[in-house]
C-alpha atoms as a PDB file:
ATOM      1  CA  UNK A   1      22.330   8.684  -9.721  1.00  0.00           C
ATOM      2  CA  UNK A   2      25.053   9.735  -7.273  1.00  0.00           C
ATOM      3  CA  UNK A   3      23.913  13.355  -7.462  1.00  0.00           C
ATOM      4  CA  UNK A   4      20.307  12.380  -6.802  1.00  0.00           C
ATOM      5  CA  UNK A   5      21.267  10.437  -3.670  1.00  0.00           C
ATOM      6  CA  UNK A   6      23.496  13.303  -2.512  1.00  0.00           C
ATOM      7  CA  UNK A   7      20.593  15.722  -2.998  1.00  0.00           C
ATOM      8  CA  UNK A   8      18.250  13.534  -0.924  1.00  0.00           C
ATOM      9  CA  UNK A   9      20.895  13.240   1.796  1.00  0.00           C
ATOM     10  CA  UNK A  10      21.385  17.015   1.909  1.00  0.00           C
ATOM     11  CA  UNK A  11      17.912  17.621   3.381  1.00  0.00           C
ATOM     12  CA  UNK A  12      18.125  18.756   7.009  1.00  0.00           C
ATOM     13  CA  UNK A  13      15.809  15.919   8.076  1.00  0.00           C
ATOM     14  CA  UNK A  14      18.183  13.270   6.706  1.00  0.00           C
ATOM     15  CA  UNK A  15      20.114  11.110   9.169  1.00  0.00           C
ATOM     16  CA  UNK A  16      23.129  11.158   6.850  1.00  0.00           C
ATOM     17  CA  UNK A  17      24.851   8.907   4.346  1.00  0.00           C
ATOM     18  CA  UNK A  18      25.813   6.380   7.037  1.00  0.00           C
ATOM     19  CA  UNK A  19      22.127   5.478   7.337  1.00  0.00           C
ATOM     20  CA  UNK A  20      21.406   5.320   3.604  1.00  0.00           C
ATOM     21  CA  UNK A  21      21.306   2.048   1.700  1.00  0.00           C
ATOM     22  CA  UNK A  22      23.037   2.757  -1.622  1.00  0.00           C
ATOM     23  CA  UNK A  23      24.946  -0.161  -3.135  1.00  0.00           C
ATOM     24  CA  UNK A  24      27.259   1.978  -5.294  1.00  0.00           C
ATOM     25  CA  UNK A  25      29.303   3.060  -2.258  1.00  0.00           C
ATOM     26  CA  UNK A  26      30.019  -0.522  -1.223  1.00  0.00           C
ATOM     27  CA  UNK A  27      30.676  -1.501  -4.844  1.00  0.00           C
ATOM     28  CA  UNK A  28      33.322   1.230  -5.177  1.00  0.00           C
ATOM     29  CA  UNK A  29      34.881   0.132  -1.877  1.00  0.00           C
ATOM     30  CA  UNK A  30      34.907  -3.470  -3.138  1.00  0.00           C
ATOM     31  CA  UNK A  31      36.594  -2.439  -6.398  1.00  0.00           C
ATOM     32  CA  UNK A  32      39.255  -0.441  -4.555  1.00  0.00           C
ATOM     33  CA  UNK A  33      39.925  -3.355  -2.190  1.00  0.00           C
ATOM     34  CA  UNK A  34      40.285  -5.835  -5.047  1.00  0.00           C
ATOM     35  CA  UNK A  35      42.562  -3.437  -6.925  1.00  0.00           C
ATOM     36  CA  UNK A  36      44.780  -2.981  -3.873  1.00  0.00           C
ATOM     37  CA  UNK A  37      45.015  -6.733  -3.309  1.00  0.00           C
ATOM     38  CA  UNK A  38      45.859  -7.374  -6.969  1.00  0.00           C
ATOM     39  CA  UNK A  39      48.451  -4.620  -6.955  1.00  0.00           C
ATOM     40  CA  UNK A  40      50.114  -6.035  -3.830  1.00  0.00           C
ATOM     41  CA  UNK A  41      49.961  -9.638  -5.047  1.00  0.00           C
ATOM     42  CA  UNK A  42      50.962  -9.175  -8.670  1.00  0.00           C
ATOM     43  CA  UNK A  43      52.643  -5.758  -8.721  1.00  0.00           C
ATOM     44  CA  UNK A  44      50.588  -4.551 -11.628  1.00  0.00           C
ATOM     45  CA  UNK A  45      47.836  -2.053 -12.138  1.00  0.00           C
ATOM     46  CA  UNK A  46      44.525  -3.894 -12.356  1.00  0.00           C
ATOM     47  CA  UNK A  47      42.013  -2.906 -14.996  1.00  0.00           C
ATOM     48  CA  UNK A  48      39.170  -1.001 -13.428  1.00  0.00           C
ATOM     49  CA  UNK A  49      35.746  -2.097 -14.498  1.00  0.00           C
ATOM     50  CA  UNK A  50      33.142   0.618 -13.933  1.00  0.00           C
ATOM     51  CA  UNK A  51      30.337  -1.158 -15.705  1.00  0.00           C
ATOM     52  CA  UNK A  52      27.212  -2.040 -13.829  1.00  0.00           C
ATOM     53  CA  UNK A  53      26.501  -5.351 -15.521  1.00  0.00           C
ATOM     54  CA  UNK A  54      25.529  -8.583 -13.818  1.00  0.00           C
ATOM     55  CA  UNK A  55      28.703 -10.343 -14.936  1.00  0.00           C
ATOM     56  CA  UNK A  56      30.974  -7.484 -13.834  1.00  0.00           C
ATOM     57  CA  UNK A  57      29.258  -7.244 -10.447  1.00  0.00           C
ATOM     58  CA  UNK A  58      28.977 -10.986  -9.749  1.00  0.00           C
ATOM     59  CA  UNK A  59      32.167 -11.118  -7.596  1.00  0.00           C
ATOM     60  CA  UNK A  60      30.803  -8.217  -5.524  1.00  0.00           C
ATOM     61  CA  UNK A  61      27.461  -9.939  -4.939  1.00  0.00           C
ATOM     62  CA  UNK A  62      29.138 -13.216  -4.006  1.00  0.00           C
ATOM     63  CA  UNK A  63      31.111 -11.776  -1.077  1.00  0.00           C
ATOM     64  CA  UNK A  64      29.285 -12.484   2.218  1.00  0.00           C
ATOM     65  CA  UNK A  65      29.513  -8.877   3.390  1.00  0.00           C
ATOM     66  CA  UNK A  66      27.856  -7.592   0.208  1.00  0.00           C
ATOM     67  CA  UNK A  67      25.454 -10.441  -0.553  1.00  0.00           C
ATOM     68  CA  UNK A  68      22.471  -8.470   0.779  1.00  0.00           C
ATOM     69  CA  UNK A  69      22.785  -5.998  -2.116  1.00  0.00           C
ATOM     70  CA  UNK A  70      21.286  -8.628  -4.447  1.00  0.00           C
ATOM     71  CA  UNK A  71      17.874  -7.516  -3.199  1.00  0.00           C
ATOM     72  CA  UNK A  72      18.535  -3.866  -4.080  1.00  0.00           C
ATOM     73  CA  UNK A  73      19.252  -4.293  -7.813  1.00  0.00           C
ATOM     74  CA  UNK A  74      17.497  -5.742 -10.853  1.00  0.00           C
ATOM     75  CA  UNK A  75      19.056  -6.827 -14.155  1.00  0.00           C
ATOM     76  CA  UNK A  76      17.455  -7.507 -17.526  1.00  0.00           C
ATOM     77  CA  UNK A  77      17.961 -10.670 -19.632  1.00  0.00           C
ATOM     78  CA  UNK A  78      21.189  -9.262 -21.109  1.00  0.00           C
ATOM     79  CA  UNK A  79      22.617  -8.644 -17.643  1.00  0.00           C
ATOM     80  CA  UNK A  80      22.291  -4.854 -17.797  1.00  0.00           C
ATOM     81  CA  UNK A  81      21.345  -3.040 -14.588  1.00  0.00           C
ATOM     82  CA  UNK A  82      17.802  -1.737 -15.009  1.00  0.00           C
ATOM     83  CA  UNK A  83      16.543  -0.912 -11.505  1.00  0.00           C
ATOM     84  CA  UNK A  84      17.957  -0.029  -8.123  1.00  0.00           C
ATOM     85  CA  UNK A  85      16.392   0.397  -4.722  1.00  0.00           C
ATOM     86  CA  UNK A  86      17.861   3.188  -2.606  1.00  0.00           C
ATOM     87  CA  UNK A  87      16.824   3.925   0.979  1.00  0.00           C
ATOM     88  CA  UNK A  88      17.514   7.318   2.572  1.00  0.00           C
ATOM     89  CA  UNK A  89      16.558   7.681   6.243  1.00  0.00           C
ATOM     90  CA  UNK A  90      14.919  10.797   7.682  1.00  0.00           C
ATOM     91  CA  UNK A  91      13.915  11.787  11.214  1.00  0.00           C
ATOM     92  CA  UNK A  92      11.899  14.436  12.991  1.00  0.00           C
ATOM     93  CA  UNK A  93       8.648  15.063  14.796  1.00  0.00           C
ATOM     94  CA  UNK A  94       7.090  16.655  11.723  1.00  0.00           C
ATOM     95  CA  UNK A  95       7.459  13.504   9.620  1.00  0.00           C
ATOM     96  CA  UNK A  96       4.280  12.193  11.260  1.00  0.00           C
ATOM     97  CA  UNK A  97       2.383  14.910   9.406  1.00  0.00           C
ATOM     98  CA  UNK A  98       1.351  13.764   5.925  1.00  0.00           C
ATOM     99  CA  UNK A  99       1.356  17.321   4.559  1.00  0.00           C
ATOM    100  CA  UNK A 100       4.947  17.819   5.738  1.00  0.00           C
ATOM    101  CA  UNK A 101       6.034  14.483   4.229  1.00  0.00           C
ATOM    102  CA  UNK A 102       4.365  15.433   0.965  1.00  0.00           C
ATOM    103  CA  UNK A 103       6.395  18.648   0.979  1.00  0.00           C
ATOM    104  CA  UNK A 104       9.602  16.654   1.329  1.00  0.00           C
ATOM    105  CA  UNK A 105       8.603  14.363  -1.532  1.00  0.00           C
ATOM    106  CA  UNK A 106       7.910  17.361  -3.768  1.00  0.00           C
ATOM    107  CA  UNK A 107      11.293  19.014  -3.210  1.00  0.00           C
END
């Protein structure tokens, strides 16, 4: 998934990763922040949880700064991540042309 987003962001028409909405970047930042705080508070290496399950991600979604990501993900009944919504922003005069936009979609 990371490679796919990177590919979409590599198009010359893309505004860049700062304008993309991709929850994984904030989730990694959240994990690193929690790990740093646990390391400073308890002096031990925290266990890193890289799973994308509802229970593992619940602390991330409950923080006010990351609460909006709830609308970008979907979990099944078992709590497994099944769908994500990723937004990559593009710009340019030619994007008003449907044929040009179709060409971008077919890349």
